[in-house]
N, C-alpha and C. Protein backbone atom coordinates (compact mmCIF):
# COMPACT_ATOMS: atom_id res chain seq x y z
N MET A 1 -15.35 -6.75 0.62
CA MET A 1 -14.78 -5.56 1.01
C MET A 1 -15.55 -4.48 1.87
N ASP A 2 -15.15 -4.54 2.94
CA ASP A 2 -15.58 -3.74 3.90
C ASP A 2 -15.40 -2.05 3.50
N LYS A 3 -16.09 -1.18 3.92
CA LYS A 3 -16.11 0.38 3.91
C LYS A 3 -14.25 0.76 3.78
N VAL A 4 -13.72 0.50 4.84
CA VAL A 4 -12.37 0.92 4.97
C VAL A 4 -11.51 0.24 3.63
N GLN A 5 -11.74 -1.14 3.40
CA GLN A 5 -11.03 -1.62 2.32
C GLN A 5 -11.35 -1.13 0.90
N LYS A 6 -12.49 -0.81 0.96
CA LYS A 6 -13.08 0.00 -0.84
C LYS A 6 -12.38 1.33 -0.68
N GLN A 7 -12.23 2.22 0.46
CA GLN A 7 -11.48 3.44 0.13
C GLN A 7 -9.94 3.19 0.03
N LEU A 8 -9.21 2.17 0.71
CA LEU A 8 -8.06 1.78 0.66
C LEU A 8 -7.64 1.46 -1.06
N PHE A 9 -8.79 0.21 -1.55
CA PHE A 9 -8.68 -0.17 -2.69
C PHE A 9 -8.41 1.20 -3.57
N LEU A 10 -9.45 2.11 -3.62
CA LEU A 10 -9.47 3.20 -4.36
C LEU A 10 -8.14 4.17 -4.21
N GLU A 11 -7.68 4.14 -3.13
CA GLU A 11 -6.49 4.84 -2.87
C GLU A 11 -5.40 4.34 -3.68
N LEU A 12 -5.02 3.28 -3.25
CA LEU A 12 -3.76 2.39 -3.80
C LEU A 12 -4.16 2.29 -5.52
N ARG A 13 -5.37 2.19 -6.08
CA ARG A 13 -5.42 2.21 -7.55
C ARG A 13 -4.73 3.57 -7.82
N GLN A 14 -5.42 4.75 -7.25
CA GLN A 14 -4.88 6.00 -7.64
C GLN A 14 -3.36 6.19 -7.55
N THR A 15 -2.81 5.80 -6.48
CA THR A 15 -1.27 5.82 -6.24
C THR A 15 -0.59 5.01 -7.42
N GLN A 16 -1.35 3.71 -7.65
CA GLN A 16 -0.67 2.80 -8.57
C GLN A 16 -0.45 3.71 -10.05
N LEU A 17 -1.47 4.25 -10.34
CA LEU A 17 -1.68 5.02 -11.77
C LEU A 17 -0.78 6.17 -11.59
N GLU A 18 -0.59 7.14 -10.19
CA GLU A 18 0.27 8.15 -10.12
C GLU A 18 1.83 7.31 -10.47
N ILE A 19 2.09 6.35 -9.61
CA ILE A 19 3.33 5.71 -10.03
C ILE A 19 3.75 5.28 -11.39
N LEU A 20 2.97 4.61 -11.99
CA LEU A 20 3.01 4.51 -13.56
C LEU A 20 3.36 5.43 -14.25
N TYR A 21 2.50 6.70 -14.06
CA TYR A 21 3.00 8.12 -14.81
C TYR A 21 4.03 8.48 -14.65
N SER A 22 4.41 8.54 -13.20
CA SER A 22 5.94 8.82 -13.14
C SER A 22 7.12 7.96 -13.62
N LEU A 23 6.85 6.68 -13.52
CA LEU A 23 8.03 5.79 -13.98
C LEU A 23 8.21 5.91 -15.67
N LYS A 24 6.60 6.23 -16.35
CA LYS A 24 6.86 6.35 -17.72
C LYS A 24 7.53 8.01 -18.22
N ASN A 25 7.59 8.84 -17.35
CA ASN A 25 8.11 10.17 -17.51
C ASN A 25 9.50 10.30 -16.77
N LYS A 26 10.22 9.48 -16.33
CA LYS A 26 11.20 9.59 -15.53
C LYS A 26 12.49 8.92 -16.53
N ARG A 27 13.75 9.36 -16.43
CA ARG A 27 14.88 8.64 -17.14
C ARG A 27 15.09 7.40 -16.19
N LYS A 28 15.43 6.37 -16.84
CA LYS A 28 15.89 5.20 -15.86
C LYS A 28 16.78 5.42 -15.01
N ASP A 29 17.88 6.09 -15.10
CA ASP A 29 19.03 6.11 -14.22
C ASP A 29 18.71 7.38 -13.01
N GLU A 30 17.29 7.50 -12.91
CA GLU A 30 17.10 8.69 -11.74
C GLU A 30 17.25 7.58 -10.55
N TRP A 31 17.51 8.40 -9.31
CA TRP A 31 17.71 7.62 -8.30
C TRP A 31 16.38 7.19 -7.51
N ILE A 32 15.11 7.78 -8.19
CA ILE A 32 13.82 7.73 -7.34
C ILE A 32 13.23 6.31 -7.96
N THR A 33 13.92 6.03 -9.28
CA THR A 33 13.19 4.93 -10.08
C THR A 33 12.99 3.41 -9.23
N SER A 34 14.38 3.09 -8.90
CA SER A 34 14.14 2.11 -7.98
C SER A 34 13.11 2.14 -6.68
N ILE A 35 12.87 2.99 -6.08
CA ILE A 35 11.97 3.44 -5.05
C ILE A 35 10.52 3.24 -5.64
N LEU A 36 10.33 4.04 -6.75
CA LEU A 36 9.02 3.80 -7.26
C LEU A 36 8.65 2.54 -7.96
N GLU A 37 9.73 1.82 -8.10
CA GLU A 37 9.41 0.33 -8.72
C GLU A 37 8.98 -0.68 -7.48
N ALA A 38 9.69 -0.11 -6.29
CA ALA A 38 9.49 -1.08 -5.16
C ALA A 38 8.21 -1.06 -4.49
N GLU A 39 7.60 0.73 -4.53
CA GLU A 39 6.39 0.56 -4.14
C GLU A 39 5.44 0.16 -4.80
N LEU A 40 5.56 0.15 -6.03
CA LEU A 40 4.39 -0.39 -7.28
C LEU A 40 4.38 -1.69 -6.76
N ALA A 41 5.25 -2.12 -6.80
CA ALA A 41 5.20 -3.82 -6.34
C ALA A 41 4.34 -4.27 -5.39
N ASP A 42 4.73 -3.45 -4.23
CA ASP A 42 4.04 -3.47 -2.72
C ASP A 42 2.60 -3.34 -2.92
N ILE A 43 2.16 -2.08 -4.00
CA ILE A 43 0.89 -1.72 -4.23
C ILE A 43 0.29 -2.83 -5.07
N ASN A 44 0.96 -3.36 -6.12
CA ASN A 44 0.28 -4.30 -6.97
C ASN A 44 -0.24 -5.52 -5.93
N VAL A 45 0.71 -6.07 -4.79
CA VAL A 45 0.41 -7.06 -4.14
C VAL A 45 -0.94 -6.76 -3.12
N ALA A 46 -0.81 -5.75 -2.65
CA ALA A 46 -1.95 -5.25 -1.74
C ALA A 46 -3.00 -5.06 -2.47
N ILE A 47 -3.16 -4.66 -3.77
CA ILE A 47 -4.43 -4.38 -4.71
C ILE A 47 -5.07 -6.18 -4.71
N GLU A 48 -3.87 -6.78 -4.93
CA GLU A 48 -4.51 -8.30 -5.34
C GLU A 48 -5.07 -8.92 -4.21
N LYS A 49 -4.60 -8.69 -3.03
CA LYS A 49 -5.07 -9.11 -1.71
C LYS A 49 -6.59 -8.73 -1.52
N LEU A 50 -6.52 -7.54 -1.78
CA LEU A 50 -8.07 -6.93 -1.59
C LEU A 50 -8.82 -7.54 -2.56
N GLU A 51 -8.30 -8.12 -3.60
CA GLU A 51 -9.38 -8.72 -4.89
C GLU A 51 -9.72 -10.07 -4.35
N ASN A 52 -8.73 -10.88 -3.58
CA ASN A 52 -8.80 -12.26 -3.51
C ASN A 52 -9.66 -12.27 -1.97
N GLY A 53 -9.51 -11.42 -1.02
CA GLY A 53 -10.00 -11.47 0.28
C GLY A 53 -9.13 -11.50 1.39
N SER A 54 -7.85 -11.69 1.13
CA SER A 54 -6.79 -11.90 1.79
C SER A 54 -6.16 -10.75 2.72
N TYR A 55 -6.68 -9.73 2.25
CA TYR A 55 -6.16 -8.36 2.44
C TYR A 55 -6.24 -8.15 4.21
N GLY A 56 -5.32 -7.63 4.81
CA GLY A 56 -5.23 -7.43 6.33
C GLY A 56 -4.70 -8.76 6.98
N GLN A 57 -4.28 -9.72 6.35
CA GLN A 57 -3.89 -11.04 7.03
C GLN A 57 -2.41 -10.85 7.02
N CYS A 58 -1.83 -11.11 8.19
CA CYS A 58 -0.23 -11.16 8.40
C CYS A 58 -0.01 -12.31 7.63
N GLU A 59 1.19 -11.99 6.87
CA GLU A 59 1.99 -13.35 5.92
C GLU A 59 2.39 -14.26 6.77
N THR A 60 2.96 -13.92 8.00
CA THR A 60 3.72 -14.74 8.76
C THR A 60 2.72 -15.61 9.68
N SER A 61 1.76 -15.01 10.24
CA SER A 61 1.01 -15.58 11.40
C SER A 61 -0.48 -15.86 10.66
N GLY A 62 -0.88 -15.07 9.69
CA GLY A 62 -1.97 -15.32 9.18
C GLY A 62 -3.33 -14.52 9.96
N GLU A 63 -3.09 -13.87 11.40
CA GLU A 63 -3.76 -13.33 11.89
C GLU A 63 -4.22 -11.73 11.19
N LEU A 64 -5.18 -11.37 11.71
CA LEU A 64 -5.83 -10.11 10.96
C LEU A 64 -5.00 -8.65 11.67
N LEU A 65 -4.68 -7.99 10.97
CA LEU A 65 -3.90 -6.61 11.51
C LEU A 65 -4.82 -5.55 11.54
N SER A 66 -4.75 -4.99 12.45
CA SER A 66 -5.26 -3.81 13.08
C SER A 66 -5.78 -2.72 12.05
N ASP A 67 -7.01 -2.27 12.00
CA ASP A 67 -7.48 -1.43 11.00
C ASP A 67 -6.58 -0.03 11.02
N ASP A 68 -6.22 0.26 12.26
CA ASP A 68 -5.20 1.68 12.26
C ASP A 68 -3.95 1.29 11.54
N LEU A 69 -3.44 -0.05 11.71
CA LEU A 69 -2.07 -0.20 11.14
C LEU A 69 -2.30 -0.19 9.73
N LEU A 70 -3.46 -1.07 9.19
CA LEU A 70 -3.58 -0.91 7.88
C LEU A 70 -3.73 0.39 6.98
N LYS A 71 -4.61 1.49 7.84
CA LYS A 71 -4.77 2.49 7.50
C LYS A 71 -3.50 3.48 7.10
N ASN A 72 -2.32 2.92 8.15
CA ASN A 72 -1.02 3.94 8.22
C ASN A 72 -0.07 3.34 7.10
N MET A 73 -0.28 1.83 7.01
CA MET A 73 0.65 1.23 6.19
C MET A 73 -0.26 0.39 5.19
N PRO A 74 -0.89 0.91 4.14
CA PRO A 74 -1.85 -0.03 3.37
C PRO A 74 -1.24 -1.16 2.67
N THR A 75 0.19 -1.05 2.49
CA THR A 75 0.95 -2.11 2.10
C THR A 75 1.45 -3.00 2.75
N ILE A 76 1.27 -2.74 4.13
CA ILE A 76 1.87 -3.77 4.99
C ILE A 76 1.83 -5.18 4.89
N LYS A 77 2.83 -6.28 4.77
CA LYS A 77 2.65 -7.59 4.74
C LYS A 77 2.46 -8.20 5.66
N SER A 78 3.10 -7.93 7.25
CA SER A 78 3.15 -8.66 8.11
C SER A 78 3.28 -7.73 9.69
N ALA A 79 2.85 -8.30 10.88
CA ALA A 79 2.84 -7.67 11.85
C ALA A 79 4.12 -6.92 12.05
N ARG A 80 5.08 -7.87 11.74
CA ARG A 80 6.59 -7.36 12.03
C ARG A 80 7.13 -5.85 11.33
N ASP A 81 6.15 -5.98 10.14
CA ASP A 81 6.60 -4.56 9.55
C ASP A 81 6.19 -3.51 10.22
N SER A 82 5.18 -3.63 10.93
CA SER A 82 5.02 -2.35 11.97
C SER A 82 5.99 -2.05 12.75
N GLU A 83 7.16 -2.58 13.12
CA GLU A 83 8.33 -2.39 13.85
C GLU A 83 9.24 -1.19 12.98
N ASN A 84 8.98 -1.21 11.79
CA ASN A 84 9.91 -0.40 10.83
C ASN A 84 8.80 0.65 10.36
N LEU A 85 7.93 1.02 11.10
CA LEU A 85 6.67 2.06 10.72
C LEU A 85 7.57 3.24 9.94
N ASP A 86 8.37 3.85 10.90
CA ASP A 86 9.13 5.16 10.29
C ASP A 86 9.80 5.00 8.87
N LEU A 87 10.05 4.01 8.41
CA LEU A 87 10.50 3.80 7.19
C LEU A 87 9.49 3.97 6.13
N PHE A 88 8.41 3.88 6.29
CA PHE A 88 7.22 4.03 5.45
C PHE A 88 6.68 5.34 5.48
N TYR A 89 6.21 5.72 4.33
CA TYR A 89 5.38 7.00 3.97
C TYR A 89 4.15 6.95 3.37
N ARG A 90 3.26 7.28 3.55
CA ARG A 90 1.90 7.38 2.63
C ARG A 90 1.19 8.60 2.67
N LYS A 91 0.85 9.09 1.54
CA LYS A 91 0.37 10.37 1.45
C LYS A 91 -1.41 10.01 2.16
N PRO A 92 -1.77 11.50 2.70
CA PRO A 92 -2.89 11.34 3.39
C PRO A 92 -3.95 11.07 2.50
N ILE A 93 -5.05 10.12 2.87
CA ILE A 93 -6.43 10.34 2.25
C ILE A 93 -7.31 11.27 2.86
N ASP A 94 -8.62 11.47 2.29
CA ASP A 94 -9.35 12.42 2.66
C ASP A 94 -9.67 12.32 4.07
N SER A 95 -9.53 13.52 4.92
CA SER A 95 -10.22 12.98 6.24
C SER A 95 -11.34 12.82 6.66
N SER A 96 -12.29 13.23 5.77
CA SER A 96 -13.70 12.75 6.23
C SER A 96 -13.90 11.30 5.92
N PHE A 97 -13.01 10.45 5.61
CA PHE A 97 -13.00 8.95 5.57
C PHE A 97 -13.22 8.45 7.14
N PHE A 98 -12.11 9.36 8.01
CA PHE A 98 -11.89 8.51 9.36
C PHE A 98 -12.98 9.23 10.02
């Protein structure tokens, strides 16, 4: 794992914990629950990829995704997902990292 991936890993783990906490403390009928569960699933996949060394590879083509794209969408799965960038949100990480 390089420096960028290590920072993203730490951020994903923190977000994972925050979502798990939110899910634990929310009623199951709240509208946000399904959104949090979907985000948690994407985070879990990204963490698994970081751990097994396949993070940053397009699931469709196998090519490497750009660092800029990964910084903006750490849970991205394919280059095609970047066409929907406006549908994704991520909280900013420490600006000193970049």
